[in-house]
Amino acid sequence: MNDNLQLHIICTQIPPDTWRGEPAHRFGLQDKKGILDDGVKQLDGTRRFDCEVTPRLNGDDVDFSGPHVQGTKGSRFLYLSWAYDAGGWVKRIKIPLAGITTEQILSGKPLEAIIEARDAVATTKPIYGWKTV
């Protein structure tokens, strides 16, 4: 199976515009080249980020690839990254893809994850897991 799977990440809290006195307006879904997708601000104040991943099924094993997929086989993830205006990362949040099930992939329906970005660093699991929408 090599059909793309649409993912929606809803971030409930966007970081402030400064960090330790330095301007840090850049926040988004990071691709492999380090480019940030700003997402779309929602009416409720959250921000939505959309991307496609390509799942590869091999029996019960699932692996993912795509422009936004980071990490190594068995531990793939997406990054929501916050950066200084002048360059360099303030923080990066790993959103693991491991919670996506074979059943969800085979459904072909988009999946959504709700993330709280507060002061998160490292790995942050979706609040309710990956849900079919």
N, C-alpha and C. Protein backbone atom coordinates (compact mmCIF):
# COMPACT_ATOMS: atom_id res chain seq x y z
N MET A 1 0.84 -1.18 0.00
CA MET A 1 0.00 0.00 0.00
C MET A 1 0.88 1.24 0.00
N ASN A 2 0.67 2.12 -0.96
CA ASN A 2 1.44 3.36 -1.03
C ASN A 2 0.56 4.58 -1.23
N ASP A 3 -0.73 4.48 -0.91
CA ASP A 3 -1.62 5.63 -1.00
C ASP A 3 -1.32 6.59 0.13
N ASN A 4 -1.44 7.88 -0.16
CA ASN A 4 -1.17 8.89 0.85
C ASN A 4 -2.30 8.95 1.87
N LEU A 5 -1.94 9.33 3.08
CA LEU A 5 -2.86 9.48 4.19
C LEU A 5 -2.82 10.93 4.63
N GLN A 6 -3.99 11.58 4.64
CA GLN A 6 -4.08 12.98 5.05
C GLN A 6 -4.09 13.07 6.57
N LEU A 7 -3.23 13.94 7.13
CA LEU A 7 -3.17 14.17 8.58
C LEU A 7 -3.47 15.63 8.88
N HIS A 8 -4.25 15.85 9.94
CA HIS A 8 -4.56 17.19 10.44
C HIS A 8 -4.07 17.25 11.88
N ILE A 9 -3.26 18.25 12.17
CA ILE A 9 -2.77 18.46 13.54
C ILE A 9 -3.38 19.77 14.02
N ILE A 10 -4.10 19.71 15.12
CA ILE A 10 -4.70 20.89 15.72
C ILE A 10 -3.87 21.25 16.95
N CYS A 11 -3.25 22.43 16.93
CA CYS A 11 -2.45 22.89 18.06
C CYS A 11 -3.30 23.86 18.87
N THR A 12 -3.52 23.51 20.14
CA THR A 12 -4.44 24.29 20.97
C THR A 12 -3.83 25.57 21.53
N GLN A 13 -2.52 25.62 21.64
CA GLN A 13 -1.86 26.80 22.21
C GLN A 13 -0.61 27.13 21.41
N ILE A 14 -0.63 28.29 20.80
CA ILE A 14 0.51 28.74 20.00
C ILE A 14 1.50 29.45 20.93
N PRO A 15 2.80 29.21 20.76
CA PRO A 15 3.79 29.87 21.62
C PRO A 15 3.74 31.38 21.49
N PRO A 16 4.28 32.11 22.48
CA PRO A 16 4.31 33.58 22.41
C PRO A 16 5.26 34.06 21.31
N ASP A 17 5.26 35.37 21.07
CA ASP A 17 6.07 35.96 20.00
C ASP A 17 7.52 36.24 20.39
N THR A 18 7.84 36.00 21.66
CA THR A 18 9.23 36.19 22.09
C THR A 18 9.63 35.04 23.02
N TRP A 19 10.93 34.81 23.10
CA TRP A 19 11.48 33.83 24.03
C TRP A 19 12.78 34.38 24.57
N ARG A 20 12.84 34.54 25.88
CA ARG A 20 14.04 35.09 26.54
C ARG A 20 14.47 36.41 25.92
N GLY A 21 13.45 37.24 25.63
CA GLY A 21 13.71 38.57 25.11
C GLY A 21 14.00 38.66 23.63
N GLU A 22 14.02 37.54 22.94
CA GLU A 22 14.31 37.52 21.51
C GLU A 22 13.03 37.28 20.71
N PRO A 23 12.83 37.98 19.57
CA PRO A 23 11.65 37.74 18.73
C PRO A 23 11.62 36.29 18.23
N ALA A 24 10.47 35.66 18.38
CA ALA A 24 10.31 34.26 17.96
C ALA A 24 8.90 34.06 17.41
N HIS A 25 8.65 34.63 16.24
CA HIS A 25 7.32 34.59 15.62
C HIS A 25 7.10 33.34 14.76
N ARG A 26 8.14 32.60 14.47
CA ARG A 26 8.03 31.48 13.53
C ARG A 26 7.60 30.21 14.27
N PHE A 27 6.45 29.68 13.90
CA PHE A 27 5.93 28.44 14.49
C PHE A 27 5.18 27.68 13.42
N GLY A 28 5.47 26.38 13.28
CA GLY A 28 4.77 25.62 12.27
C GLY A 28 5.19 24.18 12.18
N LEU A 29 4.59 23.50 11.22
CA LEU A 29 4.91 22.11 10.92
C LEU A 29 6.17 22.10 10.08
N GLN A 30 7.20 21.43 10.57
CA GLN A 30 8.52 21.45 9.93
C GLN A 30 8.66 20.32 8.92
N ASP A 31 9.17 20.67 7.73
CA ASP A 31 9.47 19.61 6.77
C ASP A 31 10.94 19.19 6.92
N LYS A 32 11.37 18.25 6.12
CA LYS A 32 12.74 17.71 6.24
C LYS A 32 13.81 18.75 5.93
N LYS A 33 13.45 19.80 5.19
CA LYS A 33 14.41 20.84 4.85
C LYS A 33 14.45 21.94 5.91
N GLY A 34 13.61 21.82 6.95
CA GLY A 34 13.58 22.82 8.00
C GLY A 34 12.63 23.96 7.74
N ILE A 35 11.86 23.87 6.67
CA ILE A 35 10.89 24.91 6.33
C ILE A 35 9.62 24.70 7.16
N LEU A 36 9.08 25.81 7.69
CA LEU A 36 7.89 25.73 8.53
C LEU A 36 6.64 26.12 7.76
N ASP A 37 5.62 25.28 7.87
CA ASP A 37 4.28 25.57 7.34
C ASP A 37 3.52 26.23 8.48
N ASP A 38 3.08 27.47 8.29
CA ASP A 38 2.41 28.24 9.33
C ASP A 38 1.05 27.69 9.75
N GLY A 39 0.46 26.84 8.94
CA GLY A 39 -0.87 26.33 9.24
C GLY A 39 -1.92 27.40 9.04
N VAL A 40 -3.14 27.09 9.50
CA VAL A 40 -4.27 28.00 9.33
C VAL A 40 -4.90 28.25 10.70
N LYS A 41 -5.00 29.54 11.06
CA LYS A 41 -5.63 29.89 12.32
C LYS A 41 -7.13 29.60 12.23
N GLN A 42 -7.65 28.93 13.25
CA GLN A 42 -9.07 28.56 13.30
C GLN A 42 -9.84 29.60 14.10
N LEU A 43 -11.16 29.63 13.93
CA LEU A 43 -12.01 30.60 14.63
C LEU A 43 -11.90 30.50 16.15
N ASP A 44 -11.61 29.29 16.65
CA ASP A 44 -11.52 29.09 18.11
C ASP A 44 -10.14 29.43 18.67
N GLY A 45 -9.24 29.96 17.83
CA GLY A 45 -7.91 30.35 18.29
C GLY A 45 -6.85 29.27 18.13
N THR A 46 -7.25 28.05 17.80
CA THR A 46 -6.28 26.99 17.56
C THR A 46 -5.67 27.20 16.17
N ARG A 47 -4.65 26.43 15.88
CA ARG A 47 -4.05 26.46 14.54
C ARG A 47 -4.03 25.05 13.98
N ARG A 48 -4.42 24.91 12.72
CA ARG A 48 -4.48 23.60 12.06
C ARG A 48 -3.37 23.49 11.03
N PHE A 49 -2.69 22.35 11.10
CA PHE A 49 -1.62 22.02 10.16
C PHE A 49 -2.03 20.76 9.40
N ASP A 50 -1.87 20.78 8.10
CA ASP A 50 -2.23 19.63 7.27
C ASP A 50 -1.01 19.12 6.53
N CYS A 51 -0.91 17.81 6.43
CA CYS A 51 0.15 17.22 5.61
C CYS A 51 -0.30 15.82 5.17
N GLU A 52 0.42 15.29 4.22
CA GLU A 52 0.19 13.91 3.77
C GLU A 52 1.41 13.08 4.11
N VAL A 53 1.15 11.85 4.52
CA VAL A 53 2.22 10.88 4.73
C VAL A 53 1.90 9.66 3.87
N THR A 54 2.92 8.92 3.55
CA THR A 54 2.73 7.68 2.80
C THR A 54 2.99 6.51 3.73
N PRO A 55 1.93 5.77 4.10
CA PRO A 55 2.13 4.59 4.95
C PRO A 55 2.57 3.41 4.10
N ARG A 56 3.45 2.61 4.66
CA ARG A 56 3.87 1.35 4.02
C ARG A 56 3.59 0.23 5.00
N LEU A 57 2.70 -0.65 4.58
CA LEU A 57 2.32 -1.78 5.43
C LEU A 57 3.11 -3.02 5.03
N ASN A 58 3.62 -3.71 6.04
CA ASN A 58 4.32 -4.97 5.82
C ASN A 58 3.86 -5.90 6.94
N GLY A 59 2.76 -6.63 6.70
CA GLY A 59 2.17 -7.42 7.76
C GLY A 59 1.60 -6.50 8.81
N ASP A 60 2.01 -6.68 10.06
CA ASP A 60 1.56 -5.80 11.13
C ASP A 60 2.46 -4.58 11.31
N ASP A 61 3.56 -4.53 10.58
CA ASP A 61 4.48 -3.40 10.68
C ASP A 61 4.02 -2.26 9.77
N VAL A 62 4.11 -1.04 10.28
CA VAL A 62 3.77 0.15 9.52
C VAL A 62 4.96 1.09 9.56
N ASP A 63 5.30 1.64 8.42
CA ASP A 63 6.31 2.67 8.35
C ASP A 63 5.73 3.83 7.55
N PHE A 64 6.26 5.03 7.75
CA PHE A 64 5.74 6.22 7.10
C PHE A 64 6.86 6.97 6.41
N SER A 65 6.51 7.62 5.32
CA SER A 65 7.45 8.51 4.64
C SER A 65 6.68 9.74 4.17
N GLY A 66 7.41 10.73 3.73
CA GLY A 66 6.80 11.95 3.23
C GLY A 66 7.65 13.15 3.60
N PRO A 67 7.36 14.30 2.99
CA PRO A 67 8.18 15.50 3.20
C PRO A 67 8.25 15.99 4.64
N HIS A 68 7.23 15.68 5.45
CA HIS A 68 7.21 16.15 6.84
C HIS A 68 7.58 15.06 7.85
N VAL A 69 7.78 13.84 7.38
CA VAL A 69 8.06 12.71 8.29
C VAL A 69 9.52 12.74 8.69
N GLN A 70 9.75 12.68 10.00
CA GLN A 70 11.09 12.71 10.58
C GLN A 70 11.35 11.37 11.29
N GLY A 71 12.59 11.14 11.66
CA GLY A 71 12.94 9.97 12.46
C GLY A 71 13.29 8.75 11.63
N THR A 72 13.52 7.65 12.33
CA THR A 72 13.94 6.40 11.70
C THR A 72 12.81 5.38 11.75
N LYS A 73 12.92 4.35 10.95
CA LYS A 73 11.91 3.30 10.89
C LYS A 73 11.62 2.79 12.31
N GLY A 74 10.34 2.71 12.63
CA GLY A 74 9.93 2.25 13.94
C GLY A 74 9.72 3.38 14.94
N SER A 75 10.19 4.58 14.60
CA SER A 75 9.99 5.72 15.50
C SER A 75 9.79 7.01 14.71
N ARG A 76 8.91 6.95 13.73
CA ARG A 76 8.64 8.12 12.89
C ARG A 76 7.78 9.13 13.65
N PHE A 77 7.96 10.41 13.30
CA PHE A 77 7.21 11.47 13.96
C PHE A 77 7.16 12.70 13.07
N LEU A 78 6.32 13.66 13.48
CA LEU A 78 6.26 14.99 12.87
C LEU A 78 6.79 15.99 13.88
N TYR A 79 7.32 17.11 13.39
CA TYR A 79 7.78 18.18 14.27
C TYR A 79 6.86 19.40 14.14
N LEU A 80 6.40 19.91 15.26
CA LEU A 80 5.88 21.27 15.35
C LEU A 80 7.03 22.06 15.95
N SER A 81 7.51 23.05 15.21
CA SER A 81 8.73 23.75 15.63
C SER A 81 8.48 25.23 15.83
N TRP A 82 9.18 25.77 16.82
CA TRP A 82 9.12 27.19 17.16
C TRP A 82 10.53 27.72 16.98
N ALA A 83 10.65 28.82 16.21
CA ALA A 83 11.97 29.32 15.88
C ALA A 83 12.10 30.82 16.12
N TYR A 84 13.33 31.23 16.42
CA TYR A 84 13.65 32.65 16.53
C TYR A 84 13.55 33.29 15.14
N ASP A 85 13.18 34.56 15.10
CA ASP A 85 13.11 35.28 13.83
C ASP A 85 14.48 35.32 13.15
N ALA A 86 15.53 35.43 13.96
CA ALA A 86 16.90 35.52 13.42
C ALA A 86 17.48 34.16 13.04
N GLY A 87 16.75 33.09 13.31
CA GLY A 87 17.23 31.74 13.01
C GLY A 87 17.51 30.94 14.27
N GLY A 88 17.45 29.65 14.15
CA GLY A 88 17.67 28.75 15.28
C GLY A 88 16.36 28.38 15.96
N TRP A 89 16.34 27.19 16.53
CA TRP A 89 15.12 26.67 17.15
C TRP A 89 15.01 27.11 18.60
N VAL A 90 13.79 27.50 18.99
CA VAL A 90 13.48 27.72 20.39
C VAL A 90 13.15 26.36 20.99
N LYS A 91 12.15 25.70 20.41
CA LYS A 91 11.71 24.37 20.85
C LYS A 91 11.15 23.61 19.66
N ARG A 92 11.21 22.30 19.75
CA ARG A 92 10.58 21.46 18.74
C ARG A 92 9.81 20.36 19.46
N ILE A 93 8.61 20.13 18.99
CA ILE A 93 7.72 19.15 19.60
C ILE A 93 7.58 17.96 18.66
N LYS A 94 7.91 16.78 19.15
CA LYS A 94 7.75 15.56 18.36
C LYS A 94 6.34 15.02 18.55
N ILE A 95 5.68 14.74 17.43
CA ILE A 95 4.36 14.13 17.45
C ILE A 95 4.51 12.74 16.84
N PRO A 96 4.49 11.69 17.67
CA PRO A 96 4.73 10.34 17.15
C PRO A 96 3.61 9.86 16.22
N LEU A 97 4.00 9.14 15.19
CA LEU A 97 3.05 8.53 14.27
C LEU A 97 2.72 7.10 14.69
N ALA A 98 3.37 6.60 15.72
CA ALA A 98 3.21 5.21 16.16
C ALA A 98 1.78 4.87 16.56
N GLY A 99 0.99 5.85 16.95
CA GLY A 99 -0.38 5.57 17.38
C GLY A 99 -1.36 5.34 16.24
N ILE A 100 -0.92 5.53 15.01
CA ILE A 100 -1.80 5.32 13.86
C ILE A 100 -1.90 3.83 13.58
N THR A 101 -3.13 3.32 13.53
CA THR A 101 -3.35 1.89 13.38
C THR A 101 -3.50 1.48 11.91
N THR A 102 -3.28 0.21 11.66
CA THR A 102 -3.48 -0.35 10.32
C THR A 102 -4.92 -0.14 9.88
N GLU A 103 -5.86 -0.32 10.79
CA GLU A 103 -7.28 -0.12 10.46
C GLU A 103 -7.55 1.31 10.00
N GLN A 104 -6.96 2.28 10.70
CA GLN A 104 -7.13 3.68 10.29
C GLN A 104 -6.53 3.93 8.91
N ILE A 105 -5.38 3.35 8.66
CA ILE A 105 -4.73 3.51 7.35
C ILE A 105 -5.60 2.93 6.25
N LEU A 106 -6.09 1.72 6.47
CA LEU A 106 -6.89 1.05 5.45
C LEU A 106 -8.23 1.74 5.20
N SER A 107 -8.72 2.50 6.18
CA SER A 107 -9.99 3.23 5.98
C SER A 107 -9.85 4.31 4.92
N GLY A 108 -8.63 4.82 4.73
CA GLY A 108 -8.40 5.87 3.74
C GLY A 108 -8.93 7.23 4.16
N LYS A 109 -9.47 7.32 5.37
CA LYS A 109 -10.02 8.59 5.85
C LYS A 109 -8.93 9.42 6.51
N PRO A 110 -9.08 10.75 6.47
CA PRO A 110 -8.10 11.62 7.15
C PRO A 110 -8.08 11.35 8.64
N LEU A 111 -6.93 11.63 9.25
CA LEU A 111 -6.76 11.48 10.70
C LEU A 111 -6.43 12.83 11.32
N GLU A 112 -6.86 12.99 12.56
CA GLU A 112 -6.63 14.24 13.27
C GLU A 112 -6.01 13.97 14.63
N ALA A 113 -5.10 14.86 15.02
CA ALA A 113 -4.48 14.80 16.34
C ALA A 113 -4.56 16.18 16.96
N ILE A 114 -4.94 16.24 18.25
CA ILE A 114 -4.98 17.50 18.97
C ILE A 114 -3.75 17.55 19.88
N ILE A 115 -2.98 18.64 19.75
CA ILE A 115 -1.71 18.78 20.47
C ILE A 115 -1.75 20.05 21.32
N GLU A 116 -1.27 19.95 22.55
CA GLU A 116 -1.05 21.13 23.39
C GLU A 116 0.43 21.47 23.31
N ALA A 117 0.74 22.66 22.86
CA ALA A 117 2.14 23.04 22.66
C ALA A 117 2.75 23.76 23.84
N ARG A 118 1.98 24.17 24.80
CA ARG A 118 2.43 24.95 25.97
C ARG A 118 3.94 25.06 26.05
N ASP A 119 4.52 24.38 27.00
CA ASP A 119 5.98 24.40 27.17
C ASP A 119 6.59 23.06 26.76
N ALA A 120 5.87 22.36 25.91
CA ALA A 120 6.31 21.02 25.53
C ALA A 120 7.64 21.04 24.78
N VAL A 121 8.47 20.12 25.12
CA VAL A 121 9.71 19.88 24.42
C VAL A 121 9.81 18.37 24.31
N ALA A 122 10.42 17.90 23.27
CA ALA A 122 10.56 16.45 23.04
C ALA A 122 9.25 15.88 22.55
N THR A 123 8.83 14.73 23.07
CA THR A 123 7.68 14.02 22.53
C THR A 123 6.39 14.40 23.24
N THR A 124 5.37 14.72 22.45
CA THR A 124 4.05 15.03 22.97
C THR A 124 3.04 14.18 22.22
N LYS A 125 2.38 13.30 22.92
CA LYS A 125 1.37 12.45 22.28
C LYS A 125 0.09 13.25 22.08
N PRO A 126 -0.65 12.96 21.00
CA PRO A 126 -1.94 13.60 20.81
C PRO A 126 -2.84 13.36 22.03
N ILE A 127 -3.58 14.39 22.43
CA ILE A 127 -4.41 14.31 23.64
C ILE A 127 -5.35 13.12 23.59
N TYR A 128 -6.02 12.92 22.46
CA TYR A 128 -6.99 11.82 22.33
C TYR A 128 -6.51 10.75 21.36
N GLY A 129 -5.23 10.75 21.05
CA GLY A 129 -4.72 9.82 20.05
C GLY A 129 -5.05 10.33 18.65
N TRP A 130 -4.72 9.54 17.66
CA TRP A 130 -5.07 9.86 16.28
C TRP A 130 -6.49 9.41 16.04
N LYS A 131 -7.36 10.31 15.61
CA LYS A 131 -8.78 10.01 15.41
C LYS A 131 -9.15 10.16 13.94
N THR A 132 -9.99 9.27 13.45
CA THR A 132 -10.50 9.36 12.09
C THR A 132 -11.50 10.51 12.01
N VAL A 133 -11.40 11.33 10.96
CA VAL A 133 -12.36 12.44 10.79
C VAL A 133 -13.10 12.31 9.46
